Amino acid sequence: MVLLAAAVATGPARSASPAAEAPAAGGFRVPPPARTILKNGLTLLVLERHAVPLVEIELLIKAGSAADPAGKEGLASLTARMLKRGTRTRPAQQFAQEVEFVGGTLESSATRDATLVQGEFASRDVEVGLNLLADMVQNPAFGEEDLSREKRLVLADLASGLDDPAEVADDAYMAWLLGAHPYGRPVAGYTRSVPGLTRGDVAAYAEARLVPNNAILAIVGDLGAAQAAQRVDKYFGAWKRRALVEAKLPDPAPVRGRKVLLVDKPDATQSQIRFGNLGMRRGDPDYLPALVANTVLGGGFTSWLVDEVRVKRGLTYGIRSRFDALRFAGAFVVSTFSRNASVGETIKVSLDQIRRLRAGQVPAEDLDKARNYRAGQYPLRIEAPDALAAEIVGVELYGLEPDYINQYQKRVRGVGLDAVKRVAARYVPLDDLAIVVIGPASQLKESLAPLGPVTVRPIDAATGPY
């Protein structure tokens, strides 16, 4: 699952080359993007970056798979795929050729929270890119033949995904944890829901959701803010705003006690393991303290989970923990794999590390290492223009504080032991757990029983609904 996690200061644009500027006191600083709201409600964010003659464009629609109607799971994802398959003015082949002719890229996809169109063009061709992107979202063709082809491709992807136990485990965990909540559904949908999706469904979804007053357009690169605003108004100004139903999801219920989903894969010699509980929404004020706490636990190669489970005991080649923080809720999960005979021990040792964290038994050296790692990696993580574009659109999507980017390092370095202990006790589960194991049920069911009631499912039914 890809997550947008971003915000940036707003205000008048300043030219910057590169975008990250070093202030006198050290660290780094990103100039605020120029922010404009068009008459139709489209929010435009422009961050000038003139070192390289490229422009990154990211259009975010504030609706993703969580907005799929019941029984039509996969609709947002299919709609996003169809945006690349031509418009009413450009057949699919012509559209692709026009993008390729200037050496640009335009890709569209959906996440649980959003529909995204991402492009990159040479600065001399930015008007071509904006023209094409505007055509994608304002005049999609949604041809029947292309729709049938995309549905077959989605179904093929879903079928091939069953051969990847890690992918199955990720989707199965969200479904097992969240049940009927919209975040618990696979973004691509189910094999039973995708065949029934129609052109009318796709067109209705686009009509209701792909509207300018539900969108953010970020432009990062070699283009002046005033110039960008003029060109965006030229190509997107006629995009009609529409009344919107406020996107608001119900609060999911946390798991109480422990429950185990055992997904039967009889030929597996090692088992995929996921366990955790609800986490936090991305806009939660405790997000950065939780990020530091998780870095100590399982967010890096020198974390406790790696040291205890992989290095000292050799129970796995890889283990991590993470917060999947979304717009309205989120999940905490420990992810790993192990030999079938070691599944129980792997979970036990992992829970021992969670117990340490919740008790606040964090050496000063480990806390310093986690803070320095997060603070030091952040400028590198957002250095690429596409990453910076993704970061700045989060100011609208997640409602983060305006100067989030520039305050990130200071706030991470200011996380203390009390904050780590507080967020660990609140968000890192120990006794209340949703547990998913992908492996041979005949070998694992008895050994998993002490963890909680065990539900066995075949792998083709792993992702629910529950």
Protein backbone atom coordinates (compact mmCIF):
# COMPACT_ATOMS: atom_id res chain seq x y z
CA MET A 1 0.00 0.00 0.00
CA VAL A 2 1.43 3.40 -1.12
CA LEU A 3 0.62 6.34 1.60
CA LEU A 4 0.73 10.23 1.00
CA ALA A 5 2.13 11.84 4.10
CA ALA A 6 2.62 15.52 3.62
CA ALA A 7 2.11 19.14 4.24
CA VAL A 8 3.97 22.29 3.42
CA ALA A 9 3.72 25.96 4.25
CA THR A 10 1.41 28.04 2.11
CA GLY A 11 1.85 31.58 0.96
CA PRO A 12 3.54 33.59 -1.80
CA ALA A 13 5.89 31.65 -4.04
CA ARG A 14 9.64 32.13 -3.88
CA SER A 15 12.00 30.94 -6.56
CA ALA A 16 14.25 28.16 -5.31
CA SER A 17 16.99 26.15 -6.90
CA PRO A 18 17.02 23.52 -5.59
CA ALA A 19 13.75 23.32 -3.64
CA ALA A 20 15.46 22.40 -0.37
CA GLU A 21 17.41 25.41 0.92
CA ALA A 22 19.84 25.29 3.83
CA PRO A 23 19.03 27.96 6.42
CA ALA A 24 21.80 29.61 8.38
CA ALA A 25 21.08 27.57 11.50
CA GLY A 26 21.58 24.28 9.65
CA GLY A 27 19.08 21.65 8.59
CA PHE A 28 17.05 22.27 5.46
CA ARG A 29 14.16 24.40 4.37
CA VAL A 30 11.58 24.14 1.60
CA PRO A 31 10.09 27.41 0.35
CA PRO A 32 6.30 27.56 0.58
CA PRO A 33 4.41 26.76 -2.61
CA ALA A 34 2.27 29.39 -4.27
CA ARG A 35 -1.31 28.43 -3.49
CA THR A 36 -4.21 29.35 -5.76
CA ILE A 37 -7.82 28.23 -5.75
CA LEU A 38 -9.45 28.45 -9.16
CA LYS A 39 -13.04 29.64 -9.50
CA ASN A 40 -14.15 26.04 -9.99
CA GLY A 41 -12.61 25.04 -6.65
CA LEU A 42 -9.43 23.35 -7.92
CA THR A 43 -6.57 23.88 -5.46
CA LEU A 44 -3.26 24.60 -7.20
CA LEU A 45 0.09 24.33 -5.40
CA VAL A 46 3.22 25.43 -7.31
CA LEU A 47 6.76 24.95 -6.03
CA GLU A 48 9.46 26.35 -8.27
CA ARG A 49 12.61 24.27 -8.68
CA HIS A 50 14.83 25.42 -11.52
CA ALA A 51 17.96 23.28 -11.19
CA VAL A 52 16.72 20.71 -13.73
CA PRO A 53 14.50 21.45 -16.78
CA LEU A 54 11.74 19.08 -15.66
CA VAL A 55 8.27 19.57 -14.24
CA GLU A 56 6.42 17.08 -12.03
CA ILE A 57 2.63 17.22 -12.06
CA GLU A 58 0.44 15.47 -9.53
CA LEU A 59 -3.33 15.65 -9.55
CA LEU A 60 -5.00 14.16 -6.50
CA ILE A 61 -8.72 13.46 -6.33
CA LYS A 62 -9.89 13.10 -2.73
CA ALA A 63 -11.68 9.80 -3.33
CA GLY A 64 -10.24 6.30 -3.53
CA SER A 65 -11.30 2.73 -3.00
CA ALA A 66 -12.85 3.59 0.37
CA ALA A 67 -15.55 5.38 -1.65
CA ASP A 68 -16.43 2.24 -3.65
CA PRO A 69 -20.11 1.36 -3.18
CA ALA A 70 -20.79 -1.98 -1.48
CA GLY A 71 -20.81 -4.72 -4.08
CA LYS A 72 -18.76 -2.60 -6.52
CA GLU A 73 -15.37 -3.00 -4.87
CA GLY A 74 -12.56 -2.10 -7.26
CA LEU A 75 -14.51 0.71 -8.94
CA ALA A 76 -12.12 3.55 -8.03
CA SER A 77 -9.14 1.51 -9.16
CA LEU A 78 -10.81 0.55 -12.44
CA THR A 79 -11.81 4.16 -13.06
CA ALA A 80 -8.21 5.26 -12.52
CA ARG A 81 -6.95 2.63 -14.96
CA MET A 82 -9.48 3.75 -17.55
CA LEU A 83 -8.29 7.36 -17.40
CA LYS A 84 -5.19 6.27 -19.35
CA ARG A 85 -7.26 4.60 -22.08
CA GLY A 86 -8.09 7.57 -24.21
CA THR A 87 -10.48 10.49 -24.17
CA ARG A 88 -13.39 11.65 -26.27
CA THR A 89 -10.94 13.73 -28.33
CA ARG A 90 -7.98 11.33 -28.36
CA PRO A 91 -8.31 7.55 -28.83
CA ALA A 92 -6.13 5.47 -26.50
CA GLN A 93 -3.34 4.92 -29.03
CA GLN A 94 -3.18 8.58 -30.01
CA PHE A 95 -3.15 9.63 -26.35
CA ALA A 96 -0.23 7.32 -25.57
CA GLN A 97 1.65 8.47 -28.67
CA GLU A 98 1.30 12.14 -27.75
CA VAL A 99 2.73 11.46 -24.29
CA GLU A 100 5.60 9.40 -25.70
CA PHE A 101 6.36 11.89 -28.49
CA VAL A 102 7.59 14.47 -25.99
CA GLY A 103 9.23 11.87 -23.74
CA GLY A 104 6.75 12.44 -20.95
CA THR A 105 4.90 10.15 -18.57
CA LEU A 106 1.31 10.12 -17.33
CA GLU A 107 0.15 7.40 -14.95
CA SER A 108 -3.05 7.03 -12.98
CA SER A 109 -3.86 4.84 -10.00
CA ALA A 110 -5.98 4.64 -6.89
CA THR A 111 -5.22 4.19 -3.20
CA ARG A 112 -7.65 3.75 -0.35
CA ASP A 113 -7.87 7.52 0.13
CA ALA A 114 -7.28 9.01 -3.31
CA THR A 115 -7.19 8.76 -7.08
CA LEU A 116 -3.89 10.00 -8.51
CA VAL A 117 -2.66 11.14 -11.89
CA GLN A 118 1.10 11.66 -11.92
CA GLY A 119 3.14 13.04 -14.79
CA GLU A 120 6.61 14.24 -15.68
CA PHE A 121 7.50 16.44 -18.64
CA ALA A 122 10.42 18.51 -19.81
CA SER A 123 9.74 22.14 -18.88
CA ARG A 124 9.50 23.08 -22.57
CA ASP A 125 6.66 20.53 -22.92
CA VAL A 126 4.73 21.32 -19.74
CA GLU A 127 1.85 22.83 -21.71
CA VAL A 128 1.52 19.54 -23.61
CA GLY A 129 1.41 17.68 -20.31
CA LEU A 130 -1.22 19.93 -18.77
CA ASN A 131 -3.35 19.71 -21.92
CA LEU A 132 -3.21 15.90 -21.85
CA LEU A 133 -3.90 15.65 -18.14
CA ALA A 134 -6.84 18.03 -18.39
CA ASP A 135 -8.26 15.96 -21.24
CA MET A 136 -7.89 12.78 -19.14
CA VAL A 137 -10.03 14.00 -16.29
CA GLN A 138 -12.50 16.20 -18.17
CA ASN A 139 -13.20 14.06 -21.24
CA PRO A 140 -12.57 10.38 -20.41
CA ALA A 141 -13.91 8.06 -23.10
CA PHE A 142 -14.49 4.94 -20.97
CA GLY A 143 -14.83 2.83 -24.12
CA GLU A 144 -16.56 -0.54 -23.73
CA GLU A 145 -13.77 -2.46 -25.45
CA ASP A 146 -11.09 -0.83 -23.30
CA LEU A 147 -13.19 -1.43 -20.19
CA SER A 148 -13.49 -5.15 -20.95
CA ARG A 149 -9.74 -5.36 -21.51
CA GLU A 150 -8.95 -3.58 -18.24
CA LYS A 151 -11.30 -5.82 -16.28
CA ARG A 152 -9.56 -8.89 -17.70
CA LEU A 153 -6.22 -7.44 -16.70
CA VAL A 154 -7.45 -6.70 -13.17
CA LEU A 155 -8.79 -10.24 -12.80
CA ALA A 156 -5.49 -11.64 -14.08
CA ASP A 157 -3.61 -9.52 -11.54
CA LEU A 158 -5.88 -10.73 -8.74
CA ALA A 159 -5.33 -14.35 -9.78
CA SER A 160 -1.56 -13.96 -10.03
CA GLY A 161 -1.51 -12.19 -6.68
CA LEU A 162 -2.56 -15.44 -5.02
CA ASP A 163 0.92 -16.75 -5.87
CA ASP A 164 2.49 -14.02 -3.71
CA PRO A 165 1.85 -14.93 -0.06
CA ALA A 166 3.21 -11.57 1.14
CA GLU A 167 0.70 -9.69 -0.97
CA VAL A 168 -2.13 -11.95 0.19
CA ALA A 169 -1.06 -11.46 3.80
CA ASP A 170 -1.12 -7.66 3.53
CA ASP A 171 -4.65 -7.56 2.10
CA ALA A 172 -5.88 -10.33 4.39
CA TYR A 173 -4.59 -8.46 7.45
CA MET A 174 -6.51 -5.29 6.61
CA ALA A 175 -9.67 -7.31 5.96
CA TRP A 176 -9.30 -9.38 9.15
CA LEU A 177 -8.60 -6.28 11.24
CA LEU A 178 -11.19 -3.91 9.77
CA GLY A 179 -13.97 -6.28 8.71
CA ALA A 180 -16.70 -4.50 6.73
CA HIS A 181 -15.09 -1.08 7.07
CA PRO A 182 -14.25 0.43 3.65
CA TYR A 183 -10.53 0.49 4.50
CA GLY A 184 -10.64 -3.27 4.93
CA ARG A 185 -11.39 -3.93 1.25
CA PRO A 186 -8.63 -4.57 -1.32
CA VAL A 187 -8.08 -1.52 -3.51
CA ALA A 188 -8.35 -3.59 -6.70
CA GLY A 189 -11.58 -5.23 -5.58
CA TYR A 190 -12.62 -8.89 -5.47
CA THR A 191 -12.81 -11.49 -8.20
CA ARG A 192 -16.56 -11.55 -7.60
CA SER A 193 -17.04 -7.74 -7.80
CA VAL A 194 -14.86 -6.70 -10.75
CA PRO A 195 -16.74 -8.67 -13.48
CA GLY A 196 -19.96 -6.86 -12.63
CA LEU A 197 -18.54 -3.34 -12.97
CA THR A 198 -20.04 -1.54 -15.97
CA ARG A 199 -19.29 1.49 -18.05
CA GLY A 200 -22.22 3.17 -16.33
CA ASP A 201 -20.64 2.50 -12.94
CA VAL A 202 -17.32 3.99 -14.04
CA ALA A 203 -18.94 7.02 -15.67
CA ALA A 204 -21.14 7.68 -12.62
CA TYR A 205 -18.15 7.41 -10.28
CA ALA A 206 -16.16 9.87 -12.40
CA GLU A 207 -19.11 12.24 -12.65
CA ALA A 208 -19.51 12.33 -8.88
CA ARG A 209 -15.89 12.22 -7.71
CA LEU A 210 -13.58 13.51 -10.47
CA VAL A 211 -14.48 17.16 -10.01
CA PRO A 212 -12.25 20.19 -9.49
CA ASN A 213 -13.60 21.12 -6.08
CA ASN A 214 -12.54 17.65 -4.93
CA ALA A 215 -9.01 17.92 -6.34
CA ILE A 216 -5.51 19.22 -5.65
CA LEU A 217 -3.02 19.90 -8.44
CA ALA A 218 0.64 20.15 -7.45
CA ILE A 219 3.31 21.35 -9.87
CA VAL A 220 6.96 21.08 -8.84
CA GLY A 221 9.85 22.03 -11.09
CA ASP A 222 11.13 24.41 -13.70
CA LEU A 223 8.04 26.58 -14.12
CA GLY A 224 7.23 29.97 -12.62
CA ALA A 225 4.25 30.19 -10.30
CA ALA A 226 2.46 32.90 -12.29
CA GLN A 227 3.05 31.04 -15.54
CA ALA A 228 1.77 27.80 -13.99
CA ALA A 229 -1.39 29.48 -12.71
CA GLN A 230 -2.12 30.93 -16.16
CA ARG A 231 -1.68 27.60 -17.90
CA VAL A 232 -3.68 25.66 -15.34
CA ASP A 233 -6.52 28.15 -15.66
CA LYS A 234 -6.34 27.79 -19.46
CA TYR A 235 -6.70 24.00 -19.41
CA PHE A 236 -8.64 23.36 -16.21
CA GLY A 237 -10.71 26.51 -15.85
CA ALA A 238 -13.66 25.03 -17.79
CA TRP A 239 -13.72 21.92 -15.60
CA LYS A 240 -17.14 22.13 -13.97
CA ARG A 241 -17.49 22.05 -10.21
CA ARG A 242 -20.31 19.99 -8.73
CA ALA A 243 -21.96 19.53 -5.36
CA LEU A 244 -20.12 16.97 -3.26
CA VAL A 245 -21.18 14.63 -0.52
CA GLU A 246 -18.64 15.09 2.26
CA ALA A 247 -16.24 12.16 2.40
CA LYS A 248 -16.42 10.80 5.92
CA LEU A 249 -15.90 7.20 6.97
CA PRO A 250 -17.15 5.60 10.17
CA ASP A 251 -14.66 4.91 12.92
CA PRO A 252 -13.60 1.25 12.76
CA ALA A 253 -13.88 -0.82 15.92
CA PRO A 254 -10.59 -2.06 17.41
CA VAL A 255 -10.06 -5.76 18.00
CA ARG A 256 -10.63 -6.81 21.61
CA GLY A 257 -8.75 -9.86 22.76
CA ARG A 258 -7.00 -11.91 20.13
CA LYS A 259 -8.28 -13.55 16.97
CA VAL A 260 -6.29 -15.57 14.44
CA LEU A 261 -6.87 -16.01 10.70
CA LEU A 262 -5.02 -19.00 9.28
CA VAL A 263 -4.97 -18.90 5.48
CA ASP A 264 -4.27 -22.39 4.22
CA LYS A 265 -1.39 -22.74 1.77
CA PRO A 266 -0.55 -26.43 1.96
CA ASP A 267 2.66 -26.25 -0.10
CA ALA A 268 4.26 -23.42 1.89
CA THR A 269 7.59 -24.21 3.57
CA GLN A 270 7.54 -20.89 5.40
CA SER A 271 4.66 -18.79 6.67
CA GLN A 272 3.82 -15.13 6.25
CA ILE A 273 2.86 -13.45 9.54
CA ARG A 274 1.00 -10.20 10.20
CA PHE A 275 -0.37 -8.97 13.50
CA GLY A 276 -1.48 -5.72 15.10
CA ASN A 277 -4.54 -3.56 15.67
CA LEU A 278 -5.92 -0.15 14.80
CA GLY A 279 -3.36 2.62 14.55
CA MET A 280 -4.02 6.29 13.87
CA ARG A 281 -5.23 8.64 11.19
CA ARG A 282 -2.48 10.51 9.37
CA GLY A 283 -3.49 13.85 10.86
CA ASP A 284 -3.14 12.65 14.46
CA PRO A 285 -0.84 14.95 16.47
CA ASP A 286 0.90 11.84 17.81
CA TYR A 287 2.01 10.70 14.35
CA LEU A 288 5.64 11.85 14.62
CA PRO A 289 6.15 10.49 18.16
CA ALA A 290 4.64 7.21 16.92
CA LEU A 291 7.04 7.23 13.97
CA VAL A 292 10.01 7.56 16.32
CA ALA A 293 8.66 4.84 18.63
CA ASN A 294 8.15 2.53 15.69
CA THR A 295 11.68 3.20 14.43
CA VAL A 296 13.00 1.87 17.73
CA LEU A 297 10.73 -1.15 17.53
CA GLY A 298 10.80 -2.22 13.90
CA GLY A 299 11.23 0.69 11.53
CA GLY A 300 14.84 0.19 10.51
CA PHE A 301 17.60 -2.37 10.07
CA THR A 302 18.98 -1.68 13.56
CA SER A 303 15.56 -1.93 15.25
CA TRP A 304 14.76 -4.23 18.15
CA LEU A 305 12.69 -6.59 16.03
CA VAL A 306 15.48 -7.05 13.52
CA ASP A 307 18.06 -7.49 16.26
CA GLU A 308 16.08 -9.96 18.39
CA VAL A 309 14.16 -11.93 15.77
CA ARG A 310 16.56 -11.97 12.84
CA VAL A 311 20.08 -11.37 14.13
CA LYS A 312 20.08 -13.11 17.51
CA ARG A 313 17.68 -15.98 16.82
CA GLY A 314 17.71 -16.40 13.05
CA LEU A 315 13.93 -16.83 12.92
CA THR A 316 13.51 -14.74 9.76
CA TYR A 317 15.38 -12.88 7.07
CA GLY A 318 13.15 -9.85 7.37
CA ILE A 319 10.83 -8.23 9.91
CA ARG A 320 9.43 -4.77 10.36
CA SER A 321 6.63 -2.85 12.01
CA ARG A 322 4.82 0.17 10.62
CA PHE A 323 1.89 2.54 10.95
CA ASP A 324 -0.36 2.60 7.90
CA ALA A 325 -1.90 5.97 8.67
CA LEU A 326 -4.82 6.93 6.43
CA ARG A 327 -7.14 9.89 6.19
CA PHE A 328 -9.83 8.74 8.64
CA ALA A 329 -8.18 5.84 10.47
CA GLY A 330 -5.15 3.60 10.28
CA ALA A 331 -3.52 0.35 11.26
CA PHE A 332 -0.43 -0.79 13.11
CA VAL A 333 1.15 -4.02 11.86
CA VAL A 334 4.17 -6.22 12.42
CA SER A 335 5.13 -8.01 9.19
CA THR A 336 7.46 -10.96 8.88
CA PHE A 337 7.83 -14.56 7.71
CA SER A 338 9.32 -17.64 9.28
CA ARG A 339 9.77 -21.37 8.94
CA ASN A 340 6.50 -23.12 9.69
CA ALA A 341 7.92 -24.69 12.83
CA SER A 342 9.01 -21.26 14.15
CA VAL A 343 5.81 -19.25 13.70
CA GLY A 344 4.81 -19.35 17.36
CA GLU A 345 8.29 -18.45 18.58
CA THR A 346 8.56 -15.60 16.06
CA ILE A 347 5.32 -14.05 17.29
CA LYS A 348 6.29 -14.53 20.95
CA VAL A 349 9.71 -12.89 20.59
CA SER A 350 8.15 -10.02 18.63
CA LEU A 351 5.58 -9.44 21.37
CA ASP A 352 8.38 -9.39 23.94
CA GLN A 353 9.85 -6.37 22.13
CA ILE A 354 6.48 -4.64 22.09
CA ARG A 355 6.22 -5.24 25.83
CA ARG A 356 9.62 -3.54 26.30
CA LEU A 357 8.53 -0.55 24.27
CA ARG A 358 5.23 -0.14 26.09
CA ALA A 359 7.09 -0.25 29.40
CA GLY A 360 9.32 2.60 28.26
CA GLN A 361 12.47 0.50 28.51
CA VAL A 362 14.22 2.44 25.74
CA PRO A 363 17.93 3.16 26.20
CA ALA A 364 18.91 6.75 25.45
CA GLU A 365 21.21 5.51 22.69
CA ASP A 366 18.34 3.73 20.91
CA LEU A 367 16.09 6.77 21.16
CA ASP A 368 18.81 9.07 19.82
CA LYS A 369 19.51 6.68 16.97
CA ALA A 370 15.83 6.56 16.00
CA ARG A 371 15.40 10.33 16.10
CA ASN A 372 18.58 10.98 14.13
CA TYR A 373 17.68 8.36 11.54
CA ARG A 374 14.22 9.80 10.92
CA ALA A 375 15.41 13.41 10.90
CA GLY A 376 18.38 12.64 8.67
CA GLN A 377 16.48 10.56 6.13
CA TYR A 378 13.63 13.02 5.64
CA PRO A 379 15.35 15.52 3.29
CA LEU A 380 16.63 12.63 1.18
CA ARG A 381 13.20 11.04 1.04
CA ILE A 382 11.56 14.15 -0.41
CA GLU A 383 14.49 15.29 -2.54
CA ALA A 384 13.13 13.91 -5.84
CA PRO A 385 10.57 16.23 -7.48
CA ASP A 386 7.88 13.54 -7.63
CA ALA A 387 8.31 12.81 -3.92
CA LEU A 388 8.15 16.52 -3.12
CA ALA A 389 4.98 16.89 -5.19
CA ALA A 390 3.41 13.99 -3.31
CA GLU A 391 4.46 15.57 -0.03
CA ILE A 392 2.92 18.96 -0.63
CA VAL A 393 -0.50 17.69 -1.73
CA GLY A 394 -0.87 16.11 1.71
CA VAL A 395 -1.42 19.55 3.25
CA GLU A 396 -4.90 19.41 1.76
CA LEU A 397 -5.61 15.70 1.99
CA TYR A 398 -4.56 15.12 5.59
CA GLY A 399 -4.98 18.59 7.05
CA LEU A 400 -1.48 18.73 8.49
CA GLU A 401 0.01 21.87 9.99
CA PRO A 402 1.08 24.40 7.33
CA ASP A 403 4.84 24.27 8.05
CA TYR A 404 4.99 20.49 8.44
CA ILE A 405 7.98 19.92 6.13
CA ASN A 406 10.17 22.60 7.67
CA GLN A 407 9.26 21.63 11.24
CA TYR A 408 9.67 17.89 10.67
CA GLN A 409 13.28 17.53 11.81
CA LYS A 410 12.84 19.77 14.85
CA ARG A 411 9.73 17.92 15.98
CA VAL A 412 11.24 14.49 15.44
CA ARG A 413 14.35 15.42 17.39
CA GLY A 414 12.13 16.77 20.16
CA VAL A 415 10.35 13.45 20.77
CA GLY A 416 11.20 12.33 24.31
CA LEU A 417 10.94 9.05 26.17
CA ASP A 418 7.64 10.01 27.80
CA ALA A 419 6.08 10.61 24.38
CA VAL A 420 7.39 7.27 23.08
CA LYS A 421 5.95 5.45 26.09
CA ARG A 422 2.62 7.26 25.74
CA VAL A 423 2.10 6.50 22.06
CA ALA A 424 3.33 2.93 22.46
CA ALA A 425 0.78 2.29 25.19
CA ARG A 426 -1.95 3.83 23.07
CA TYR A 427 -1.15 2.53 19.59
CA VAL A 428 1.21 -0.46 19.76
CA PRO A 429 -0.94 -3.45 20.78
CA LEU A 430 0.05 -6.35 23.01
CA ASP A 431 -3.00 -8.17 24.35
CA ASP A 432 -5.56 -7.10 21.72
CA LEU A 433 -4.43 -8.45 18.37
CA ALA A 434 -5.65 -9.39 14.91
CA ILE A 435 -3.25 -12.10 13.70
CA VAL A 436 -2.94 -13.43 10.14
CA VAL A 437 -0.74 -16.37 9.15
CA ILE A 438 -0.41 -17.71 5.59
CA GLY A 439 0.82 -21.29 5.67
CA PRO A 440 -0.15 -24.98 5.82
CA ALA A 441 -3.16 -25.24 8.14
CA SER A 442 -2.50 -28.90 8.96
CA GLN A 443 0.87 -27.97 10.48
CA LEU A 444 -0.03 -24.64 12.08
CA LYS A 445 -3.55 -24.74 13.48
CA GLU A 446 -2.72 -26.51 16.72
CA SER A 447 0.33 -24.37 17.44
CA LEU A 448 -1.63 -21.15 16.84
CA ALA A 449 -4.56 -22.09 19.07
CA PRO A 450 -2.96 -20.69 22.28
CA LEU A 451 -2.94 -17.23 20.66
CA GLY A 452 -6.72 -17.08 20.26
CA PRO A 453 -9.64 -18.55 18.31
CA VAL A 454 -8.41 -19.74 14.90
CA THR A 455 -10.43 -19.24 11.70
CA VAL A 456 -9.18 -21.21 8.68
CA ARG A 457 -9.80 -19.93 5.16
CA PRO A 458 -8.58 -21.09 1.73
CA ILE A 459 -6.18 -18.66 0.08
CA ASP A 460 -8.68 -17.57 -2.57
CA ALA A 461 -10.98 -16.32 0.22
CA ALA A 462 -8.26 -14.74 2.37
CA THR A 463 -9.25 -11.11 1.82
CA GLY A 464 -12.77 -11.43 3.12
CA PRO A 465 -15.24 -10.03 3.57
CA TYR A 466 -15.30 -10.71 7.30
